[in-house]
Amino acid sequence: QTKIQEFRKVCYTLTGYQVDITRESQYRLTSMYAEHKDDCLIF
């Protein structure tokens, strides 16, 4: 769990995007420079 949190922080710091799993096979990307908290991309 600690490694997962560390990995998420490293991804956010290096890429500028926070990656969250919304449902199976769907991923939500939120930029650290987003103007609104709901501004996101879904892949």
ModelCIF file with pLDDT and N, C-alpha, C, O atoms, coordinates in Angstrom:
data_MODEL
#
_entry.id   MODEL 
#
_entity.id                         1 
_entity.type                       polymer 
_entity.pdbx_number_of_molecules   1 
#
_entity_poly.entity_id                      1 
_entity_poly.type                           'polypeptide(L)' 
_entity_poly.nstd_linkage                   no 
_entity_poly.nstd_monomer                   no 
_entity_poly.pdbx_seq_one_letter_code       QTKIQEFRKVCYTLTGYQVDITRESQYRLTSMYAEHKDDCLIF 
_entity_poly.pdbx_seq_one_letter_code_can   QTKIQEFRKVCYTLTGYQVDITRESQYRLTSMYAEHKDDCLIF 
_entity_poly.pdbx_strand_id                 A 
#
loop_
_entity_poly_seq.entity_id 
_entity_poly_seq.num 
_entity_poly_seq.mon_id 
_entity_poly_seq.hetero 
1 1  GLN n 
1 2  THR n 
1 3  LYS n 
1 4  ILE n 
1 5  GLN n 
1 6  GLU n 
1 7  PHE n 
1 8  ARG n 
1 9  LYS n 
1 10 VAL n 
1 11 CYS n 
1 12 TYR n 
1 13 THR n 
1 14 LEU n 
1 15 THR n 
1 16 GLY n 
1 17 TYR n 
1 18 GLN n 
1 19 VAL n 
1 20 ASP n 
1 21 ILE n 
1 22 THR n 
1 23 ARG n 
1 24 GLU n 
1 25 SER n 
1 26 GLN n 
1 27 TYR n 
1 28 ARG n 
1 29 LEU n 
1 30 THR n 
1 31 SER n 
1 32 MET n 
1 33 TYR n 
1 34 ALA n 
1 35 GLU n 
1 36 HIS n 
1 37 LYS n 
1 38 ASP n 
1 39 ASP n 
1 40 CYS n 
1 41 LEU n 
1 42 ILE n 
1 43 PHE n 
#
_struct_asym.id          A 
_struct_asym.entity_id   1 
#
loop_
_ma_qa_metric.id 
_ma_qa_metric.mode 
_ma_qa_metric.name 
_ma_qa_metric.software_group_id 
_ma_qa_metric.type 
1 global pLDDT . pLDDT 
2 local  pLDDT . pLDDT 
#
_ma_qa_metric_global.metric_id      1 
_ma_qa_metric_global.metric_value   90.53 
_ma_qa_metric_global.model_id       1 
_ma_qa_metric_global.ordinal_id     1 
#
loop_
_ma_qa_metric_local.label_asym_id 
_ma_qa_metric_local.label_comp_id 
_ma_qa_metric_local.label_seq_id 
_ma_qa_metric_local.metric_id 
_ma_qa_metric_local.metric_value 
_ma_qa_metric_local.model_id 
_ma_qa_metric_local.ordinal_id 
A GLN 1  2 90.00 1 1  
A THR 2  2 91.00 1 2  
A LYS 3  2 91.00 1 3  
A ILE 4  2 88.00 1 4  
A GLN 5  2 89.00 1 5  
A GLU 6  2 91.00 1 6  
A PHE 7  2 89.00 1 7  
A ARG 8  2 88.00 1 8  
A LYS 9  2 91.00 1 9  
A VAL 10 2 91.00 1 10 
A CYS 11 2 89.00 1 11 
A TYR 12 2 90.00 1 12 
A THR 13 2 91.00 1 13 
A LEU 14 2 91.00 1 14 
A THR 15 2 90.00 1 15 
A GLY 16 2 91.00 1 16 
A TYR 17 2 93.00 1 17 
A GLN 18 2 92.00 1 18 
A VAL 19 2 91.00 1 19 
A ASP 20 2 90.00 1 20 
A ILE 21 2 88.00 1 21 
A THR 22 2 87.00 1 22 
A ARG 23 2 85.00 1 23 
A GLU 24 2 84.00 1 24 
A SER 25 2 85.00 1 25 
A GLN 26 2 91.00 1 26 
A TYR 27 2 91.00 1 27 
A ARG 28 2 93.00 1 28 
A LEU 29 2 94.00 1 29 
A THR 30 2 94.00 1 30 
A SER 31 2 94.00 1 31 
A MET 32 2 92.00 1 32 
A TYR 33 2 92.00 1 33 
A ALA 34 2 92.00 1 34 
A GLU 35 2 89.00 1 35 
A HIS 36 2 90.00 1 36 
A LYS 37 2 88.00 1 37 
A ASP 38 2 90.00 1 38 
A ASP 39 2 92.00 1 39 
A CYS 40 2 94.00 1 40 
A LEU 41 2 94.00 1 41 
A ILE 42 2 94.00 1 42 
A PHE 43 2 93.00 1 43 
#
loop_
_atom_site.group_PDB 
_atom_site.id 
_atom_site.type_symbol 
_atom_site.label_atom_id 
_atom_site.label_alt_id 
_atom_site.label_comp_id 
_atom_site.label_asym_id 
_atom_site.label_entity_id 
_atom_site.label_seq_id 
_atom_site.pdbx_PDB_ins_code 
_atom_site.Cartn_x 
_atom_site.Cartn_y 
_atom_site.Cartn_z 
_atom_site.occupancy 
_atom_site.B_iso_or_equiv 
_atom_site.pdbx_formal_charge 
_atom_site.auth_seq_id 
_atom_site.auth_comp_id 
_atom_site.auth_asym_id 
_atom_site.auth_atom_id 
_atom_site.pdbx_PDB_model_num 
ATOM 1   N N  . GLN A 1 1  ? 0.836   -1.203 0.000   1.00 90.00 ? 1  GLN A N  1 
ATOM 2   C CA . GLN A 1 1  ? 0.000   0.000  0.000   1.00 90.00 ? 1  GLN A CA 1 
ATOM 3   C C  . GLN A 1 1  ? 0.873   1.255  0.000   1.00 90.00 ? 1  GLN A C  1 
ATOM 4   O O  . GLN A 1 1  ? 0.595   2.229  -0.699  1.00 90.00 ? 1  GLN A O  1 
ATOM 5   N N  . THR A 1 2  ? 1.945   1.202  0.812   1.00 91.00 ? 2  THR A N  1 
ATOM 6   C CA . THR A 1 2  ? 2.866   2.340  0.841   1.00 91.00 ? 2  THR A CA 1 
ATOM 7   C C  . THR A 1 2  ? 3.528   2.536  -0.517  1.00 91.00 ? 2  THR A C  1 
ATOM 8   O O  . THR A 1 2  ? 3.669   3.666  -0.984  1.00 91.00 ? 2  THR A O  1 
ATOM 9   N N  . LYS A 1 3  ? 3.939   1.428  -1.156  1.00 91.00 ? 3  LYS A N  1 
ATOM 10  C CA . LYS A 1 3  ? 4.576   1.523  -2.469  1.00 91.00 ? 3  LYS A CA 1 
ATOM 11  C C  . LYS A 1 3  ? 3.598   2.062  -3.512  1.00 91.00 ? 3  LYS A C  1 
ATOM 12  O O  . LYS A 1 3  ? 3.985   2.825  -4.397  1.00 91.00 ? 3  LYS A O  1 
ATOM 13  N N  . ILE A 1 4  ? 2.339   1.665  -3.406  1.00 88.00 ? 4  ILE A N  1 
ATOM 14  C CA . ILE A 1 4  ? 1.342   2.155  -4.369  1.00 88.00 ? 4  ILE A CA 1 
ATOM 15  C C  . ILE A 1 4  ? 1.173   3.659  -4.232  1.00 88.00 ? 4  ILE A C  1 
ATOM 16  O O  . ILE A 1 4  ? 1.144   4.379  -5.230  1.00 88.00 ? 4  ILE A O  1 
ATOM 17  N N  . GLN A 1 5  ? 1.060   4.136  -2.990  1.00 89.00 ? 5  GLN A N  1 
ATOM 18  C CA . GLN A 1 5  ? 0.933   5.572  -2.774  1.00 89.00 ? 5  GLN A CA 1 
ATOM 19  C C  . GLN A 1 5  ? 2.169   6.315  -3.274  1.00 89.00 ? 5  GLN A C  1 
ATOM 20  O O  . GLN A 1 5  ? 2.065   7.384  -3.876  1.00 89.00 ? 5  GLN A O  1 
ATOM 21  N N  . GLU A 1 6  ? 3.346   5.730  -3.014  1.00 91.00 ? 6  GLU A N  1 
ATOM 22  C CA . GLU A 1 6  ? 4.581   6.348  -3.489  1.00 91.00 ? 6  GLU A CA 1 
ATOM 23  C C  . GLU A 1 6  ? 4.607   6.401  -5.018  1.00 91.00 ? 6  GLU A C  1 
ATOM 24  O O  . GLU A 1 6  ? 5.024   7.399  -5.604  1.00 91.00 ? 6  GLU A O  1 
ATOM 25  N N  . PHE A 1 7  ? 4.159   5.320  -5.655  1.00 89.00 ? 7  PHE A N  1 
ATOM 26  C CA . PHE A 1 7  ? 4.126   5.268  -7.117  1.00 89.00 ? 7  PHE A CA 1 
ATOM 27  C C  . PHE A 1 7  ? 3.174   6.316  -7.690  1.00 89.00 ? 7  PHE A C  1 
ATOM 28  O O  . PHE A 1 7  ? 3.493   6.967  -8.685  1.00 89.00 ? 7  PHE A O  1 
ATOM 29  N N  . ARG A 1 8  ? 2.016   6.480  -7.070  1.00 88.00 ? 8  ARG A N  1 
ATOM 30  C CA . ARG A 1 8  ? 1.055   7.475  -7.537  1.00 88.00 ? 8  ARG A CA 1 
ATOM 31  C C  . ARG A 1 8  ? 1.623   8.895  -7.420  1.00 88.00 ? 8  ARG A C  1 
ATOM 32  O O  . ARG A 1 8  ? 1.442   9.720  -8.316  1.00 88.00 ? 8  ARG A O  1 
ATOM 33  N N  . LYS A 1 9  ? 2.313   9.168  -6.304  1.00 91.00 ? 9  LYS A N  1 
ATOM 34  C CA . LYS A 1 9  ? 2.903   10.502 -6.132  1.00 91.00 ? 9  LYS A CA 1 
ATOM 35  C C  . LYS A 1 9  ? 4.007   10.753 -7.157  1.00 91.00 ? 9  LYS A C  1 
ATOM 36  O O  . LYS A 1 9  ? 4.131   11.857 -7.688  1.00 91.00 ? 9  LYS A O  1 
ATOM 37  N N  . VAL A 1 10 ? 4.811   9.718  -7.433  1.00 91.00 ? 10 VAL A N  1 
ATOM 38  C CA . VAL A 1 10 ? 5.881   9.876  -8.414  1.00 91.00 ? 10 VAL A CA 1 
ATOM 39  C C  . VAL A 1 10 ? 5.294   10.139 -9.800  1.00 91.00 ? 10 VAL A C  1 
ATOM 40  O O  . VAL A 1 10 ? 5.784   10.999 -10.531 1.00 91.00 ? 10 VAL A O  1 
ATOM 41  N N  . CYS A 1 11 ? 4.236   9.392  -10.163 1.00 89.00 ? 11 CYS A N  1 
ATOM 42  C CA . CYS A 1 11 ? 3.582   9.618  -11.462 1.00 89.00 ? 11 CYS A CA 1 
ATOM 43  C C  . CYS A 1 11 ? 3.026   11.030 -11.548 1.00 89.00 ? 11 CYS A C  1 
ATOM 44  O O  . CYS A 1 11 ? 3.146   11.688 -12.582 1.00 89.00 ? 11 CYS A O  1 
ATOM 45  N N  . TYR A 1 12 ? 2.420   11.495 -10.467 1.00 90.00 ? 12 TYR A N  1 
ATOM 46  C CA . TYR A 1 12 ? 1.816   12.828 -10.479 1.00 90.00 ? 12 TYR A CA 1 
ATOM 47  C C  . TYR A 1 12 ? 2.899   13.906 -10.605 1.00 90.00 ? 12 TYR A C  1 
ATOM 48  O O  . TYR A 1 12 ? 2.718   14.902 -11.306 1.00 90.00 ? 12 TYR A O  1 
ATOM 49  N N  . THR A 1 13 ? 4.031   13.691 -9.912  1.00 91.00 ? 13 THR A N  1 
ATOM 50  C CA . THR A 1 13 ? 5.098   14.699 -9.940  1.00 91.00 ? 13 THR A CA 1 
ATOM 51  C C  . THR A 1 13 ? 5.805   14.731 -11.286 1.00 91.00 ? 13 THR A C  1 
ATOM 52  O O  . THR A 1 13 ? 6.114   15.810 -11.790 1.00 91.00 ? 13 THR A O  1 
ATOM 53  N N  . LEU A 1 14 ? 6.069   13.558 -11.883 1.00 91.00 ? 14 LEU A N  1 
ATOM 54  C CA . LEU A 1 14 ? 6.834   13.499 -13.123 1.00 91.00 ? 14 LEU A CA 1 
ATOM 55  C C  . LEU A 1 14 ? 5.994   13.784 -14.354 1.00 91.00 ? 14 LEU A C  1 
ATOM 56  O O  . LEU A 1 14 ? 6.472   14.439 -15.280 1.00 91.00 ? 14 LEU A O  1 
ATOM 57  N N  . THR A 1 15 ? 4.772   13.318 -14.390 1.00 90.00 ? 15 THR A N  1 
ATOM 58  C CA . THR A 1 15 ? 3.937   13.485 -15.589 1.00 90.00 ? 15 THR A CA 1 
ATOM 59  C C  . THR A 1 15 ? 2.973   14.646 -15.483 1.00 90.00 ? 15 THR A C  1 
ATOM 60  O O  . THR A 1 15 ? 2.504   15.155 -16.501 1.00 90.00 ? 15 THR A O  1 
ATOM 61  N N  . GLY A 1 16 ? 2.665   15.078 -14.255 1.00 91.00 ? 16 GLY A N  1 
ATOM 62  C CA . GLY A 1 16 ? 1.712   16.172 -14.091 1.00 91.00 ? 16 GLY A CA 1 
ATOM 63  C C  . GLY A 1 16 ? 0.270   15.722 -14.125 1.00 91.00 ? 16 GLY A C  1 
ATOM 64  O O  . GLY A 1 16 ? -0.632  16.559 -14.157 1.00 91.00 ? 16 GLY A O  1 
ATOM 65  N N  . TYR A 1 17 ? 0.028   14.430 -14.120 1.00 93.00 ? 17 TYR A N  1 
ATOM 66  C CA . TYR A 1 17 ? -1.331  13.903 -14.175 1.00 93.00 ? 17 TYR A CA 1 
ATOM 67  C C  . TYR A 1 17 ? -1.551  12.925 -13.014 1.00 93.00 ? 17 TYR A C  1 
ATOM 68  O O  . TYR A 1 17 ? -0.699  12.097 -12.691 1.00 93.00 ? 17 TYR A O  1 
ATOM 69  N N  . GLN A 1 18 ? -2.736  13.061 -12.405 1.00 92.00 ? 18 GLN A N  1 
ATOM 70  C CA . GLN A 1 18 ? -3.156  12.097 -11.392 1.00 92.00 ? 18 GLN A CA 1 
ATOM 71  C C  . GLN A 1 18 ? -4.052  11.062 -12.068 1.00 92.00 ? 18 GLN A C  1 
ATOM 72  O O  . GLN A 1 18 ? -5.056  11.415 -12.687 1.00 92.00 ? 18 GLN A O  1 
ATOM 73  N N  . VAL A 1 19 ? -3.691  9.800  -11.949 1.00 91.00 ? 19 VAL A N  1 
ATOM 74  C CA . VAL A 1 19 ? -4.406  8.712  -12.621 1.00 91.00 ? 19 VAL A CA 1 
ATOM 75  C C  . VAL A 1 19 ? -5.263  7.987  -11.592 1.00 91.00 ? 19 VAL A C  1 
ATOM 76  O O  . VAL A 1 19 ? -4.766  7.530  -10.563 1.00 91.00 ? 19 VAL A O  1 
ATOM 77  N N  . ASP A 1 20 ? -6.558  7.887  -11.884 1.00 90.00 ? 20 ASP A N  1 
ATOM 78  C CA . ASP A 1 20 ? -7.502  7.173  -11.023 1.00 90.00 ? 20 ASP A CA 1 
ATOM 79  C C  . ASP A 1 20 ? -8.268  6.164  -11.869 1.00 90.00 ? 20 ASP A C  1 
ATOM 80  O O  . ASP A 1 20 ? -8.563  6.413  -13.038 1.00 90.00 ? 20 ASP A O  1 
ATOM 81  N N  . ILE A 1 21 ? -8.585  5.030  -11.270 1.00 88.00 ? 21 ILE A N  1 
ATOM 82  C CA . ILE A 1 21 ? -9.380  4.000  -11.936 1.00 88.00 ? 21 ILE A CA 1 
ATOM 83  C C  . ILE A 1 21 ? -10.840 4.216  -11.563 1.00 88.00 ? 21 ILE A C  1 
ATOM 84  O O  . ILE A 1 21 ? -11.231 4.031  -10.410 1.00 88.00 ? 21 ILE A O  1 
ATOM 85  N N  . THR A 1 22 ? -11.645 4.611  -12.551 1.00 87.00 ? 22 THR A N  1 
ATOM 86  C CA . THR A 1 22 ? -13.063 4.872  -12.284 1.00 87.00 ? 22 THR A CA 1 
ATOM 87  C C  . THR A 1 22 ? -13.880 3.588  -12.294 1.00 87.00 ? 22 THR A C  1 
ATOM 88  O O  . THR A 1 22 ? -14.745 3.389  -11.441 1.00 87.00 ? 22 THR A O  1 
ATOM 89  N N  . ARG A 1 23 ? -13.610 2.732  -13.242 1.00 85.00 ? 23 ARG A N  1 
ATOM 90  C CA . ARG A 1 23 ? -14.238 1.420  -13.324 1.00 85.00 ? 23 ARG A CA 1 
ATOM 91  C C  . ARG A 1 23 ? -13.284 0.504  -14.078 1.00 85.00 ? 23 ARG A C  1 
ATOM 92  O O  . ARG A 1 23 ? -12.176 0.910  -14.427 1.00 85.00 ? 23 ARG A O  1 
ATOM 93  N N  . GLU A 1 24 ? -13.701 -0.699 -14.324 1.00 84.00 ? 24 GLU A N  1 
ATOM 94  C CA . GLU A 1 24 ? -12.799 -1.650 -14.970 1.00 84.00 ? 24 GLU A CA 1 
ATOM 95  C C  . GLU A 1 24 ? -12.430 -1.169 -16.368 1.00 84.00 ? 24 GLU A C  1 
ATOM 96  O O  . GLU A 1 24 ? -13.299 -0.861 -17.184 1.00 84.00 ? 24 GLU A O  1 
ATOM 97  N N  . SER A 1 25 ? -11.125 -1.111 -16.631 1.00 85.00 ? 25 SER A N  1 
ATOM 98  C CA . SER A 1 25 ? -10.548 -0.727 -17.927 1.00 85.00 ? 25 SER A CA 1 
ATOM 99  C C  . SER A 1 25 ? -10.793 0.739  -18.270 1.00 85.00 ? 25 SER A C  1 
ATOM 100 O O  . SER A 1 25 ? -10.646 1.121  -19.431 1.00 85.00 ? 25 SER A O  1 
ATOM 101 N N  . GLN A 1 26 ? -11.167 1.578  -17.288 1.00 91.00 ? 26 GLN A N  1 
ATOM 102 C CA . GLN A 1 26 ? -11.329 3.010  -17.534 1.00 91.00 ? 26 GLN A CA 1 
ATOM 103 C C  . GLN A 1 26 ? -10.471 3.787  -16.542 1.00 91.00 ? 26 GLN A C  1 
ATOM 104 O O  . GLN A 1 26 ? -10.442 3.477  -15.351 1.00 91.00 ? 26 GLN A O  1 
ATOM 105 N N  . TYR A 1 27 ? -9.759  4.822  -17.061 1.00 91.00 ? 27 TYR A N  1 
ATOM 106 C CA . TYR A 1 27 ? -8.818  5.571  -16.250 1.00 91.00 ? 27 TYR A CA 1 
ATOM 107 C C  . TYR A 1 27 ? -9.095  7.069  -16.438 1.00 91.00 ? 27 TYR A C  1 
ATOM 108 O O  . TYR A 1 27 ? -9.283  7.555  -17.553 1.00 91.00 ? 27 TYR A O  1 
ATOM 109 N N  . ARG A 1 28 ? -9.111  7.776  -15.308 1.00 93.00 ? 28 ARG A N  1 
ATOM 110 C CA . ARG A 1 28 ? -9.356  9.211  -15.323 1.00 93.00 ? 28 ARG A CA 1 
ATOM 111 C C  . ARG A 1 28 ? -8.043  9.946  -15.061 1.00 93.00 ? 28 ARG A C  1 
ATOM 112 O O  . ARG A 1 28 ? -7.351  9.649  -14.088 1.00 93.00 ? 28 ARG A O  1 
ATOM 113 N N  . LEU A 1 29 ? -7.697  10.903 -15.924 1.00 94.00 ? 29 LEU A N  1 
ATOM 114 C CA . LEU A 1 29 ? -6.479  11.695 -15.814 1.00 94.00 ? 29 LEU A CA 1 
ATOM 115 C C  . LEU A 1 29 ? -6.861  13.133 -15.489 1.00 94.00 ? 29 LEU A C  1 
ATOM 116 O O  . LEU A 1 29 ? -7.652  13.761 -16.193 1.00 94.00 ? 29 LEU A O  1 
ATOM 117 N N  . THR A 1 30 ? -6.274  13.638 -14.397 1.00 94.00 ? 30 THR A N  1 
ATOM 118 C CA . THR A 1 30 ? -6.518  15.017 -13.975 1.00 94.00 ? 30 THR A CA 1 
ATOM 119 C C  . THR A 1 30 ? -5.183  15.741 -13.914 1.00 94.00 ? 30 THR A C  1 
ATOM 120 O O  . THR A 1 30 ? -4.275  15.311 -13.202 1.00 94.00 ? 30 THR A O  1 
ATOM 121 N N  . SER A 1 31 ? -5.057  16.826 -14.649 1.00 94.00 ? 31 SER A N  1 
ATOM 122 C CA . SER A 1 31 ? -3.800  17.578 -14.704 1.00 94.00 ? 31 SER A CA 1 
ATOM 123 C C  . SER A 1 31 ? -3.643  18.437 -13.447 1.00 94.00 ? 31 SER A C  1 
ATOM 124 O O  . SER A 1 31 ? -4.621  18.932 -12.887 1.00 94.00 ? 31 SER A O  1 
ATOM 125 N N  . MET A 1 32 ? -2.387  18.600 -13.020 1.00 92.00 ? 32 MET A N  1 
ATOM 126 C CA . MET A 1 32 ? -2.121  19.470 -11.871 1.00 92.00 ? 32 MET A CA 1 
ATOM 127 C C  . MET A 1 32 ? -2.352  20.943 -12.216 1.00 92.00 ? 32 MET A C  1 
ATOM 128 O O  . MET A 1 32 ? -2.465  21.786 -11.327 1.00 92.00 ? 32 MET A O  1 
ATOM 129 N N  . TYR A 1 33 ? -2.421  21.240 -13.514 1.00 92.00 ? 33 TYR A N  1 
ATOM 130 C CA . TYR A 1 33 ? -2.676  22.613 -13.940 1.00 92.00 ? 33 TYR A CA 1 
ATOM 131 C C  . TYR A 1 33 ? -4.126  22.835 -14.372 1.00 92.00 ? 33 TYR A C  1 
ATOM 132 O O  . TYR A 1 33 ? -4.436  23.842 -15.008 1.00 92.00 ? 33 TYR A O  1 
ATOM 133 N N  . ALA A 1 34 ? -5.015  21.898 -14.028 1.00 92.00 ? 34 ALA A N  1 
ATOM 134 C CA . ALA A 1 34 ? -6.419  22.032 -14.420 1.00 92.00 ? 34 ALA A CA 1 
ATOM 135 C C  . ALA A 1 34 ? -7.036  23.261 -13.756 1.00 92.00 ? 34 ALA A C  1 
ATOM 136 O O  . ALA A 1 34 ? -6.773  23.548 -12.588 1.00 92.00 ? 34 ALA A O  1 
ATOM 137 N N  . GLU A 1 35 ? -7.857  23.980 -14.514 1.00 89.00 ? 35 GLU A N  1 
ATOM 138 C CA . GLU A 1 35 ? -8.493  25.175 -13.986 1.00 89.00 ? 35 GLU A CA 1 
ATOM 139 C C  . GLU A 1 35 ? -9.626  24.841 -13.027 1.00 89.00 ? 35 GLU A C  1 
ATOM 140 O O  . GLU A 1 35 ? -9.894  25.605 -12.100 1.00 89.00 ? 35 GLU A O  1 
ATOM 141 N N  . HIS A 1 36 ? -10.292 23.718 -13.234 1.00 90.00 ? 36 HIS A N  1 
ATOM 142 C CA . HIS A 1 36 ? -11.383 23.280 -12.364 1.00 90.00 ? 36 HIS A CA 1 
ATOM 143 C C  . HIS A 1 36 ? -11.134 21.835 -11.967 1.00 90.00 ? 36 HIS A C  1 
ATOM 144 O O  . HIS A 1 36 ? -10.476 21.090 -12.693 1.00 90.00 ? 36 HIS A O  1 
ATOM 145 N N  . LYS A 1 37 ? -11.652 21.445 -10.829 1.00 88.00 ? 37 LYS A N  1 
ATOM 146 C CA . LYS A 1 37 ? -11.407 20.093 -10.331 1.00 88.00 ? 37 LYS A CA 1 
ATOM 147 C C  . LYS A 1 37 ? -12.116 19.035 -11.162 1.00 88.00 ? 37 LYS A C  1 
ATOM 148 O O  . LYS A 1 37 ? -11.732 17.865 -11.137 1.00 88.00 ? 37 LYS A O  1 
ATOM 149 N N  . ASP A 1 38 ? -13.160 19.440 -11.906 1.00 90.00 ? 38 ASP A N  1 
ATOM 150 C CA . ASP A 1 38 ? -13.875 18.483 -12.751 1.00 90.00 ? 38 ASP A CA 1 
ATOM 151 C C  . ASP A 1 38 ? -13.273 18.374 -14.148 1.00 90.00 ? 38 ASP A C  1 
ATOM 152 O O  . ASP A 1 38 ? -13.756 17.583 -14.958 1.00 90.00 ? 38 ASP A O  1 
ATOM 153 N N  . ASP A 1 39 ? -12.221 19.156 -14.453 1.00 92.00 ? 39 ASP A N  1 
ATOM 154 C CA . ASP A 1 39 ? -11.582 19.067 -15.763 1.00 92.00 ? 39 ASP A CA 1 
ATOM 155 C C  . ASP A 1 39 ? -10.715 17.817 -15.812 1.00 92.00 ? 39 ASP A C  1 
ATOM 156 O O  . ASP A 1 39 ? -9.659  17.759 -15.182 1.00 92.00 ? 39 ASP A O  1 
ATOM 157 N N  . CYS A 1 40 ? -11.158 16.839 -16.550 1.00 94.00 ? 40 CYS A N  1 
ATOM 158 C CA . CYS A 1 40 ? -10.429 15.565 -16.584 1.00 94.00 ? 40 CYS A CA 1 
ATOM 159 C C  . CYS A 1 40 ? -10.623 14.908 -17.943 1.00 94.00 ? 40 CYS A C  1 
ATOM 160 O O  . CYS A 1 40 ? -11.516 15.261 -18.713 1.00 94.00 ? 40 CYS A O  1 
ATOM 161 N N  . LEU A 1 41 ? -9.760  13.946 -18.203 1.00 94.00 ? 41 LEU A N  1 
ATOM 162 C CA . LEU A 1 41 ? -9.837  13.116 -19.402 1.00 94.00 ? 41 LEU A CA 1 
ATOM 163 C C  . LEU A 1 41 ? -10.068 11.674 -18.967 1.00 94.00 ? 41 LEU A C  1 
ATOM 164 O O  . LEU A 1 41 ? -9.551  11.232 -17.941 1.00 94.00 ? 41 LEU A O  1 
ATOM 165 N N  . ILE A 1 42 ? -10.844 10.954 -19.752 1.00 94.00 ? 42 ILE A N  1 
ATOM 166 C CA . ILE A 1 42 ? -11.139 9.553  -19.438 1.00 94.00 ? 42 ILE A CA 1 
ATOM 167 C C  . ILE A 1 42 ? -10.699 8.699  -20.626 1.00 94.00 ? 42 ILE A C  1 
ATOM 168 O O  . ILE A 1 42 ? -11.153 8.894  -21.754 1.00 94.00 ? 42 ILE A O  1 
ATOM 169 N N  . PHE A 1 43 ? -9.813  7.756  -20.348 1.00 93.00 ? 43 PHE A N  1 
ATOM 170 C CA . PHE A 1 43 ? -9.345  6.816  -21.362 1.00 93.00 ? 43 PHE A CA 1 
ATOM 171 C C  . PHE A 1 43 ? -9.878  5.430  -21.026 1.00 93.00 ? 43 PHE A C  1 
ATOM 172 O O  . PHE A 1 43 ? -9.608  4.472  -21.750 1.00 93.00 ? 43 PHE A O  1 
#
